[in-house]
Every structure is written in structure tokens, then in C-alpha cells.
């Protein structure tokens, strides 16, 4: 049975005081979940050490990481260093990394391989732009991203991947894909995994929705058969909202 997951991507927000306050508020909700449900927090890198205090109640991940273990890469932090810090996971391929920092498919593939080699779970993000959806190309765009980033992996390794579908046009805009549109894409992703590997592998992979998922729409989204939780942005910064989203799984 695949895991149900709610993950909070804080992006470039928060300080130590904020982290301690919000994680204290949500920790009881997180700790009460059944074993097949998990909460991940992806704070900025400078807060990861402080976040370790709460690791018995939720899992901690990095928002980014470099594929080399060490070297002359000023400003970067390696997957090995994140593992040494106690991280459980890393986000790779977020639309902001692709668009703002021009991360291409070769770089993302290298990051995936490095993260898995050091025992980090990979949250691999994929999603289409508005023009892709309007032209009916959303499915082919998303499947191309998966093909380039993770479909070179073995069936054993793919089970350490969480896929986060994030329609780029719905991130931070307040727009959300309808539950039917989101389910349709999630089903297409699961079908592609089944065709690449097998049905059992496809059923084991957690696929999250990330695109203005909030306390009001989480329950109807998570009720869809192929939506296994959410990668949450802005709502993860508000304790009461995030607790409601956790409760929705």
C-alpha cells in the first residue's frame, strides 16, 4: 500500500522562531497519523538543523541539492551533506528551479541519482505551463519530464520516488486544477509508470498534487483515487490551514 503524504514546501520563508512555533502547533496532528500516512517539511536550508528537533513527529527534507559530493561549488550543498544533517528527502525539479534557475533535464537527472545514492527520498516535481494545457499538450509535457528525470531508474529505485504534479499555472496564483483535471493527470502518470515498469510498481508510487492546494479544497482533491496527498506551498505557512490539510489525508 502506497503512502499518503502531505508535504510543506516553505520556499524562502521563515526563521527559527517561526519554525519552532508552527512545528509545535502541527506536531500533535502529525504524530497522530496512522503508519501509512506521513508529513514532510521542506524549510529553507538554514532551518534544517533546528527542524531536526521535530523529527520524531514528521520527516524533514531539503528544497534543493547539488549532485557532486564535494568540491569547488560555492553556495551549493550536496546530497551527502544533507544526509549527514539528518534529512529524509529532497525536492528536485520544482517549477521555480526549472524556470528561475534554468535547471535542465540533465542536471535534474544527476540530482535524482545523487540523492538516491545517499539514501534520500526524492520528491520529483513535474507540471505544465498554461499554454501547454490550453493547447492540449499537458500530458505529453509531463510525461516527457518524467521520462527525462526518473524513468531511467530501476523498479526498486522508482519506489523511492514521490512524484509531485504541479500545474505551473496554479502555483501561487490561487487557481487550482479541478479535481477531475488533477485526477486525470495523476491517472496518466500512474499509467505511464505501469507501462514503463509494471502495475504493482505503479500502485506503490505516491503521487501528490501541488498547485494552490489549501484547507478548503484538500479533502475533495485527496478523495480522488490517484491523488495521494499534496505538496503544499502558501498554506503550509499557516498552522491552522496546514493542520486541516494533514487531517484531510
C-alpha atoms as a PDB file:
ATOM      1  CA  UNK A   1       0.000   0.000   0.000  1.00  0.00           C
ATOM      2  CA  UNK A   2       1.449   3.333  -1.043  1.00  0.00           C
ATOM      3  CA  UNK A   3       1.940   6.144   1.481  1.00  0.00           C
ATOM      4  CA  UNK A   4      -0.405   9.102   1.824  1.00  0.00           C
ATOM      5  CA  UNK A   5       1.726  12.220   2.249  1.00  0.00           C
ATOM      6  CA  UNK A   6       1.298  15.918   2.977  1.00  0.00           C
ATOM      7  CA  UNK A   7       4.478  17.914   2.378  1.00  0.00           C
ATOM      8  CA  UNK A   8       5.004  21.590   3.170  1.00  0.00           C
ATOM      9  CA  UNK A   9       7.395  23.492   0.883  1.00  0.00           C
ATOM     10  CA  UNK A  10       8.215  26.696   2.734  1.00  0.00           C
ATOM     11  CA  UNK A  11      10.259  28.121  -0.150  1.00  0.00           C
ATOM     12  CA  UNK A  12      12.325  31.147   1.006  1.00  0.00           C
ATOM     13  CA  UNK A  13      10.223  31.890   4.086  1.00  0.00           C
ATOM     14  CA  UNK A  14      10.617  31.613   7.846  1.00  0.00           C
ATOM     15  CA  UNK A  15      13.121  31.976  10.652  1.00  0.00           C
ATOM     16  CA  UNK A  16      13.983  29.887  13.720  1.00  0.00           C
ATOM     17  CA  UNK A  17      11.207  31.380  15.844  1.00  0.00           C
ATOM     18  CA  UNK A  18       8.614  30.785  13.108  1.00  0.00           C
ATOM     19  CA  UNK A  19       9.782  27.195  12.648  1.00  0.00           C
ATOM     20  CA  UNK A  20       9.571  26.376  16.342  1.00  0.00           C
ATOM     21  CA  UNK A  21       6.115  27.899  16.688  1.00  0.00           C
ATOM     22  CA  UNK A  22       4.471  26.329  13.638  1.00  0.00           C
ATOM     23  CA  UNK A  23       6.018  22.875  14.055  1.00  0.00           C
ATOM     24  CA  UNK A  24       4.967  22.811  17.698  1.00  0.00           C
ATOM     25  CA  UNK A  25       1.417  23.607  16.600  1.00  0.00           C
ATOM     26  CA  UNK A  26       1.191  20.945  13.913  1.00  0.00           C
ATOM     27  CA  UNK A  27       3.245  18.227  15.618  1.00  0.00           C
ATOM     28  CA  UNK A  28       0.337  16.660  17.534  1.00  0.00           C
ATOM     29  CA  UNK A  29      -1.724  16.373  14.328  1.00  0.00           C
ATOM     30  CA  UNK A  30       1.240  14.843  12.527  1.00  0.00           C
ATOM     31  CA  UNK A  31       2.115  12.415  15.312  1.00  0.00           C
ATOM     32  CA  UNK A  32      -1.445  11.062  15.483  1.00  0.00           C
ATOM     33  CA  UNK A  33      -1.437   9.816  11.876  1.00  0.00           C
ATOM     34  CA  UNK A  34      -1.567   6.123  11.019  1.00  0.00           C
ATOM     35  CA  UNK A  35       1.592   4.410   9.766  1.00  0.00           C
ATOM     36  CA  UNK A  36       0.590   4.692   6.098  1.00  0.00           C
ATOM     37  CA  UNK A  37       0.419   8.492   6.327  1.00  0.00           C
ATOM     38  CA  UNK A  38       3.350  10.907   6.643  1.00  0.00           C
ATOM     39  CA  UNK A  39       4.087  14.609   6.951  1.00  0.00           C
ATOM     40  CA  UNK A  40       7.200  16.162   5.416  1.00  0.00           C
ATOM     41  CA  UNK A  41       8.505  19.690   5.957  1.00  0.00           C
ATOM     42  CA  UNK A  42      10.838  21.347   3.447  1.00  0.00           C
ATOM     43  CA  UNK A  43      12.133  24.515   5.164  1.00  0.00           C
ATOM     44  CA  UNK A  44      14.961  26.734   3.880  1.00  0.00           C
ATOM     45  CA  UNK A  45      18.401  25.186   4.359  1.00  0.00           C
ATOM     46  CA  UNK A  46      19.354  27.398   7.322  1.00  0.00           C
ATOM     47  CA  UNK A  47      16.433  25.963   9.339  1.00  0.00           C
ATOM     48  CA  UNK A  48      17.111  22.264   8.770  1.00  0.00           C
ATOM     49  CA  UNK A  49      19.231  21.819  11.890  1.00  0.00           C
ATOM     50  CA  UNK A  50      16.536  23.391  14.071  1.00  0.00           C
ATOM     51  CA  UNK A  51      13.883  21.272  12.344  1.00  0.00           C
ATOM     52  CA  UNK A  52      15.638  18.054  13.428  1.00  0.00           C
ATOM     53  CA  UNK A  53      14.183  18.596  16.919  1.00  0.00           C
ATOM     54  CA  UNK A  54      10.792  17.585  15.489  1.00  0.00           C
ATOM     55  CA  UNK A  55      11.931  14.522  13.509  1.00  0.00           C
ATOM     56  CA  UNK A  56      10.116  12.109  15.787  1.00  0.00           C
ATOM     57  CA  UNK A  57       6.838  13.698  14.667  1.00  0.00           C
ATOM     58  CA  UNK A  58       7.468  14.448  10.972  1.00  0.00           C
ATOM     59  CA  UNK A  59      10.086  13.993   8.278  1.00  0.00           C
ATOM     60  CA  UNK A  60      12.442  16.743   7.125  1.00  0.00           C
ATOM     61  CA  UNK A  61      13.582  17.493   3.586  1.00  0.00           C
ATOM     62  CA  UNK A  62      15.768  19.921   1.663  1.00  0.00           C
ATOM     63  CA  UNK A  63      14.377  22.133  -1.089  1.00  0.00           C
ATOM     64  CA  UNK A  64      17.378  21.616  -3.365  1.00  0.00           C
ATOM     65  CA  UNK A  65      20.728  19.878  -3.517  1.00  0.00           C
ATOM     66  CA  UNK A  66      23.771  19.512  -5.757  1.00  0.00           C
ATOM     67  CA  UNK A  67      24.830  16.204  -7.320  1.00  0.00           C
ATOM     68  CA  UNK A  68      28.572  16.318  -6.531  1.00  0.00           C
ATOM     69  CA  UNK A  69      29.517  15.167  -3.026  1.00  0.00           C
ATOM     70  CA  UNK A  70      32.082  17.935  -2.513  1.00  0.00           C
ATOM     71  CA  UNK A  71      34.220  20.413  -4.408  1.00  0.00           C
ATOM     72  CA  UNK A  72      34.519  23.964  -5.665  1.00  0.00           C
ATOM     73  CA  UNK A  73      30.793  24.694  -5.973  1.00  0.00           C
ATOM     74  CA  UNK A  74      30.371  27.898  -3.988  1.00  0.00           C
ATOM     75  CA  UNK A  75      26.925  28.295  -2.486  1.00  0.00           C
ATOM     76  CA  UNK A  76      25.811  24.710  -3.117  1.00  0.00           C
ATOM     77  CA  UNK A  77      25.017  21.968  -0.591  1.00  0.00           C
ATOM     78  CA  UNK A  78      25.475  18.335  -1.616  1.00  0.00           C
ATOM     79  CA  UNK A  79      23.068  15.453  -1.149  1.00  0.00           C
ATOM     80  CA  UNK A  80      25.719  13.808   1.014  1.00  0.00           C
ATOM     81  CA  UNK A  81      25.824  16.859   3.295  1.00  0.00           C
ATOM     82  CA  UNK A  82      22.028  16.904   3.596  1.00  0.00           C
ATOM     83  CA  UNK A  83      22.072  13.230   4.524  1.00  0.00           C
ATOM     84  CA  UNK A  84      24.753  13.947   7.134  1.00  0.00           C
ATOM     85  CA  UNK A  85      22.498  16.682   8.515  1.00  0.00           C
ATOM     86  CA  UNK A  86      19.712  14.146   9.027  1.00  0.00           C
ATOM     87  CA  UNK A  87      17.430  14.964   6.102  1.00  0.00           C
ATOM     88  CA  UNK A  88      14.988  12.319   4.918  1.00  0.00           C
ATOM     89  CA  UNK A  89      14.248  13.705   1.460  1.00  0.00           C
ATOM     90  CA  UNK A  90      14.961  16.352  -1.163  1.00  0.00           C
ATOM     91  CA  UNK A  91      12.790  18.257  -3.646  1.00  0.00           C
ATOM     92  CA  UNK A  92      14.030  18.036  -7.235  1.00  0.00           C
ATOM     93  CA  UNK A  93      12.630  19.660 -10.358  1.00  0.00           C
ATOM     94  CA  UNK A  94      10.346  22.241  -8.763  1.00  0.00           C
ATOM     95  CA  UNK A  95       8.969  24.600 -11.391  1.00  0.00           C
ATOM     96  CA  UNK A  96      10.722  27.561  -9.764  1.00  0.00           C
ATOM     97  CA  UNK A  97      14.088  25.767 -10.029  1.00  0.00           C
ATOM     98  CA  UNK A  98      13.358  24.958 -13.670  1.00  0.00           C
ATOM     99  CA  UNK A  99      12.154  28.458 -14.599  1.00  0.00           C
ATOM    100  CA  UNK A 100      14.196  30.846 -12.453  1.00  0.00           C
ATOM    101  CA  UNK A 101      17.446  28.888 -12.156  1.00  0.00           C
ATOM    102  CA  UNK A 102      17.252  27.224 -15.586  1.00  0.00           C
ATOM    103  CA  UNK A 103      17.762  23.694 -14.284  1.00  0.00           C
ATOM    104  CA  UNK A 104      17.653  21.389 -17.291  1.00  0.00           C
ATOM    105  CA  UNK A 105      16.816  17.708 -17.639  1.00  0.00           C
ATOM    106  CA  UNK A 106      20.455  16.543 -17.481  1.00  0.00           C
ATOM    107  CA  UNK A 107      21.063  18.395 -14.218  1.00  0.00           C
ATOM    108  CA  UNK A 108      17.824  17.124 -12.690  1.00  0.00           C
ATOM    109  CA  UNK A 109      18.662  13.526 -13.645  1.00  0.00           C
ATOM    110  CA  UNK A 110      22.086  13.872 -11.984  1.00  0.00           C
ATOM    111  CA  UNK A 111      20.459  15.280  -8.851  1.00  0.00           C
ATOM    112  CA  UNK A 112      17.986  12.395  -8.707  1.00  0.00           C
ATOM    113  CA  UNK A 113      20.780   9.838  -8.989  1.00  0.00           C
ATOM    114  CA  UNK A 114      22.904  11.570  -6.334  1.00  0.00           C
ATOM    115  CA  UNK A 115      20.025  11.835  -3.868  1.00  0.00           C
ATOM    116  CA  UNK A 116      19.068   8.176  -4.210  1.00  0.00           C
ATOM    117  CA  UNK A 117      22.699   7.073  -3.901  1.00  0.00           C
ATOM    118  CA  UNK A 118      22.806   8.679  -0.446  1.00  0.00           C
ATOM    119  CA  UNK A 119      19.500   7.242   0.723  1.00  0.00           C
ATOM    120  CA  UNK A 120      17.361  10.355   0.351  1.00  0.00           C
ATOM    121  CA  UNK A 121      13.769  10.015  -0.831  1.00  0.00           C
ATOM    122  CA  UNK A 122      13.220  12.154  -3.930  1.00  0.00           C
ATOM    123  CA  UNK A 123      10.145  14.328  -4.352  1.00  0.00           C
ATOM    124  CA  UNK A 124      10.280  14.822  -8.129  1.00  0.00           C
ATOM    125  CA  UNK A 125       8.165  17.692  -9.443  1.00  0.00           C
ATOM    126  CA  UNK A 126       6.579  17.859 -12.880  1.00  0.00           C
ATOM    127  CA  UNK A 127       3.950  20.046 -14.467  1.00  0.00           C
ATOM    128  CA  UNK A 128       2.809  22.027 -17.473  1.00  0.00           C
ATOM    129  CA  UNK A 129       2.575  25.732 -18.270  1.00  0.00           C
ATOM    130  CA  UNK A 130      -0.787  27.349 -19.029  1.00  0.00           C
ATOM    131  CA  UNK A 131      -0.090  27.405 -22.778  1.00  0.00           C
ATOM    132  CA  UNK A 132       0.614  23.673 -22.688  1.00  0.00           C
ATOM    133  CA  UNK A 133      -2.766  22.968 -21.139  1.00  0.00           C
ATOM    134  CA  UNK A 134      -4.613  25.330 -23.453  1.00  0.00           C
ATOM    135  CA  UNK A 135      -3.069  23.570 -26.457  1.00  0.00           C
ATOM    136  CA  UNK A 136      -3.886  20.116 -25.067  1.00  0.00           C
ATOM    137  CA  UNK A 137      -0.236  19.134 -24.603  1.00  0.00           C
ATOM    138  CA  UNK A 138      -0.244  18.895 -20.810  1.00  0.00           C
ATOM    139  CA  UNK A 139       0.026  15.111 -20.638  1.00  0.00           C
ATOM    140  CA  UNK A 140       2.872  14.830 -23.158  1.00  0.00           C
ATOM    141  CA  UNK A 141       4.824  17.615 -21.416  1.00  0.00           C
ATOM    142  CA  UNK A 142       4.525  15.965 -18.009  1.00  0.00           C
ATOM    143  CA  UNK A 143       5.429  12.520 -19.305  1.00  0.00           C
ATOM    144  CA  UNK A 144       8.468  13.963 -21.095  1.00  0.00           C
ATOM    145  CA  UNK A 145       9.650  15.413 -17.776  1.00  0.00           C
ATOM    146  CA  UNK A 146       9.234  12.041 -16.072  1.00  0.00           C
ATOM    147  CA  UNK A 147      10.995  10.250 -18.917  1.00  0.00           C
ATOM    148  CA  UNK A 148      13.977  12.597 -18.718  1.00  0.00           C
ATOM    149  CA  UNK A 149      14.197  12.749 -14.929  1.00  0.00           C
ATOM    150  CA  UNK A 150      13.285   9.406 -13.402  1.00  0.00           C
ATOM    151  CA  UNK A 151      12.336   6.741 -15.947  1.00  0.00           C
ATOM    152  CA  UNK A 152      15.964   5.607 -16.254  1.00  0.00           C
ATOM    153  CA  UNK A 153      15.707   4.228 -12.694  1.00  0.00           C
ATOM    154  CA  UNK A 154      15.225   0.593 -11.741  1.00  0.00           C
ATOM    155  CA  UNK A 155      11.873  -0.580 -10.381  1.00  0.00           C
ATOM    156  CA  UNK A 156      13.442  -0.757  -6.917  1.00  0.00           C
ATOM    157  CA  UNK A 157      14.709   2.828  -7.130  1.00  0.00           C
ATOM    158  CA  UNK A 158      11.460   4.234  -8.507  1.00  0.00           C
ATOM    159  CA  UNK A 159       9.794   3.124  -5.271  1.00  0.00           C
ATOM    160  CA  UNK A 160      11.923   5.760  -3.508  1.00  0.00           C
ATOM    161  CA  UNK A 161      10.438   8.494  -5.691  1.00  0.00           C
ATOM    162  CA  UNK A 162       7.421  10.605  -4.728  1.00  0.00           C
ATOM    163  CA  UNK A 163       6.011  12.381  -7.785  1.00  0.00           C
ATOM    164  CA  UNK A 164       4.530  15.830  -7.259  1.00  0.00           C
ATOM    165  CA  UNK A 165       2.332  17.025 -10.119  1.00  0.00           C
ATOM    166  CA  UNK A 166       2.239  20.812 -10.067  1.00  0.00           C
ATOM    167  CA  UNK A 167       0.383  22.584 -12.871  1.00  0.00           C
ATOM    168  CA  UNK A 168       2.610  25.645 -13.093  1.00  0.00           C
ATOM    169  CA  UNK A 169      -0.306  27.939 -13.878  1.00  0.00           C
ATOM    170  CA  UNK A 170      -1.860  27.052 -10.492  1.00  0.00           C
ATOM    171  CA  UNK A 171       1.169  27.659  -8.254  1.00  0.00           C
ATOM    172  CA  UNK A 172       0.805  30.731  -6.064  1.00  0.00           C
ATOM    173  CA  UNK A 173      -1.968  32.083  -8.268  1.00  0.00           C
ATOM    174  CA  UNK A 174      -4.951  30.909  -6.241  1.00  0.00           C
ATOM    175  CA  UNK A 175      -6.072  28.900  -9.266  1.00  0.00           C
ATOM    176  CA  UNK A 176      -6.443  25.169  -8.759  1.00  0.00           C
ATOM    177  CA  UNK A 177      -6.931  22.399 -11.268  1.00  0.00           C
ATOM    178  CA  UNK A 178     -10.373  20.886 -10.850  1.00  0.00           C
ATOM    179  CA  UNK A 179     -10.404  17.579  -9.005  1.00  0.00           C
ATOM    180  CA  UNK A 180     -11.292  15.931 -12.305  1.00  0.00           C
ATOM    181  CA  UNK A 181      -8.375  17.543 -14.170  1.00  0.00           C
ATOM    182  CA  UNK A 182      -5.956  16.701 -11.363  1.00  0.00           C
ATOM    183  CA  UNK A 183      -7.182  13.079 -11.186  1.00  0.00           C
ATOM    184  CA  UNK A 184      -6.888  12.732 -14.961  1.00  0.00           C
ATOM    185  CA  UNK A 185      -3.213  13.762 -14.886  1.00  0.00           C
ATOM    186  CA  UNK A 186      -2.428  11.611 -11.857  1.00  0.00           C
ATOM    187  CA  UNK A 187      -4.020   8.616 -13.567  1.00  0.00           C
ATOM    188  CA  UNK A 188      -1.961   9.285 -16.709  1.00  0.00           C
ATOM    189  CA  UNK A 189       1.220   9.407 -14.626  1.00  0.00           C
ATOM    190  CA  UNK A 190       0.370   6.140 -12.903  1.00  0.00           C
ATOM    191  CA  UNK A 191      -0.436   4.525 -16.263  1.00  0.00           C
ATOM    192  CA  UNK A 192       2.948   5.658 -17.613  1.00  0.00           C
ATOM    193  CA  UNK A 193       4.711   4.103 -14.615  1.00  0.00           C
ATOM    194  CA  UNK A 194       2.791   0.874 -15.170  1.00  0.00           C
ATOM    195  CA  UNK A 195       3.798   0.789 -18.838  1.00  0.00           C
ATOM    196  CA  UNK A 196       7.441   1.545 -18.038  1.00  0.00           C
ATOM    197  CA  UNK A 197       7.670  -0.881 -15.103  1.00  0.00           C
ATOM    198  CA  UNK A 198       4.607  -2.877 -14.052  1.00  0.00           C
ATOM    199  CA  UNK A 199       1.221  -2.450 -12.384  1.00  0.00           C
ATOM    200  CA  UNK A 200       2.497  -3.357  -8.929  1.00  0.00           C
ATOM    201  CA  UNK A 201       5.233  -0.716  -9.119  1.00  0.00           C
ATOM    202  CA  UNK A 202       2.751   1.869 -10.359  1.00  0.00           C
ATOM    203  CA  UNK A 203       0.445   1.187  -7.432  1.00  0.00           C
ATOM    204  CA  UNK A 204       3.314   1.613  -4.967  1.00  0.00           C
ATOM    205  CA  UNK A 205       4.328   5.136  -6.097  1.00  0.00           C
ATOM    206  CA  UNK A 206       2.892   8.092  -4.197  1.00  0.00           C
ATOM    207  CA  UNK A 207       1.703  10.921  -6.459  1.00  0.00           C
ATOM    208  CA  UNK A 208       0.983  14.292  -4.857  1.00  0.00           C
ATOM    209  CA  UNK A 209      -0.934  17.291  -6.171  1.00  0.00           C
ATOM    210  CA  UNK A 210       0.782  20.664  -5.832  1.00  0.00           C
ATOM    211  CA  UNK A 211      -0.980  23.726  -7.171  1.00  0.00           C
ATOM    212  CA  UNK A 212      -2.728  26.061  -4.722  1.00  0.00           C
ATOM    213  CA  UNK A 213      -3.944  23.140  -2.627  1.00  0.00           C
ATOM    214  CA  UNK A 214      -5.447  24.589   0.547  1.00  0.00           C
ATOM    215  CA  UNK A 215      -7.612  23.835   3.573  1.00  0.00           C
ATOM    216  CA  UNK A 216     -10.793  24.343   1.549  1.00  0.00           C
ATOM    217  CA  UNK A 217     -10.075  22.057  -1.416  1.00  0.00           C
ATOM    218  CA  UNK A 218      -7.693  19.447   0.042  1.00  0.00           C
ATOM    219  CA  UNK A 219     -10.359  16.939   1.034  1.00  0.00           C
ATOM    220  CA  UNK A 220     -12.011  16.771  -2.383  1.00  0.00           C
ATOM    221  CA  UNK A 221      -8.644  16.546  -4.126  1.00  0.00           C
ATOM    222  CA  UNK A 222      -7.317  13.818  -1.819  1.00  0.00           C
ATOM    223  CA  UNK A 223     -10.526  11.811  -2.276  1.00  0.00           C
ATOM    224  CA  UNK A 224      -9.566  11.110  -5.901  1.00  0.00           C
ATOM    225  CA  UNK A 225      -8.256   7.561  -6.434  1.00  0.00           C
ATOM    226  CA  UNK A 226      -4.840   8.530  -7.794  1.00  0.00           C
ATOM    227  CA  UNK A 227      -4.160  11.629  -5.646  1.00  0.00           C
ATOM    228  CA  UNK A 228      -2.174  10.523  -2.599  1.00  0.00           C
ATOM    229  CA  UNK A 229      -1.771  13.862  -0.838  1.00  0.00           C
ATOM    230  CA  UNK A 230      -0.306  17.260  -1.558  1.00  0.00           C
ATOM    231  CA  UNK A 231       2.834  19.325  -1.931  1.00  0.00           C
ATOM    232  CA  UNK A 232       1.675  22.473  -0.182  1.00  0.00           C
ATOM    233  CA  UNK A 233       3.097  25.975  -0.614  1.00  0.00           C
ATOM    234  CA  UNK A 234       1.493  29.022   0.988  1.00  0.00           C
ATOM    235  CA  UNK A 235      -0.971  27.085   3.132  1.00  0.00           C
ATOM    236  CA  UNK A 236       1.936  25.237   4.783  1.00  0.00           C
ATOM    237  CA  UNK A 237       2.966  28.535   6.381  1.00  0.00           C
ATOM    238  CA  UNK A 238      -0.308  28.857   8.313  1.00  0.00           C
ATOM    239  CA  UNK A 239      -0.574  26.342  11.148  1.00  0.00           C
ATOM    240  CA  UNK A 240      -4.362  26.036  11.238  1.00  0.00           C
ATOM    241  CA  UNK A 241      -4.601  25.597   7.461  1.00  0.00           C
ATOM    242  CA  UNK A 242      -1.799  23.057   7.337  1.00  0.00           C
ATOM    243  CA  UNK A 243      -3.361  21.047  10.177  1.00  0.00           C
ATOM    244  CA  UNK A 244      -6.624  20.849   8.211  1.00  0.00           C
ATOM    245  CA  UNK A 245      -4.757  19.670   5.126  1.00  0.00           C
ATOM    246  CA  UNK A 246      -2.943  16.996   7.167  1.00  0.00           C
ATOM    247  CA  UNK A 247      -6.287  15.879   8.566  1.00  0.00           C
ATOM    248  CA  UNK A 248      -7.629  15.550   5.007  1.00  0.00           C
ATOM    249  CA  UNK A 249      -5.430  12.504   4.350  1.00  0.00           C
END
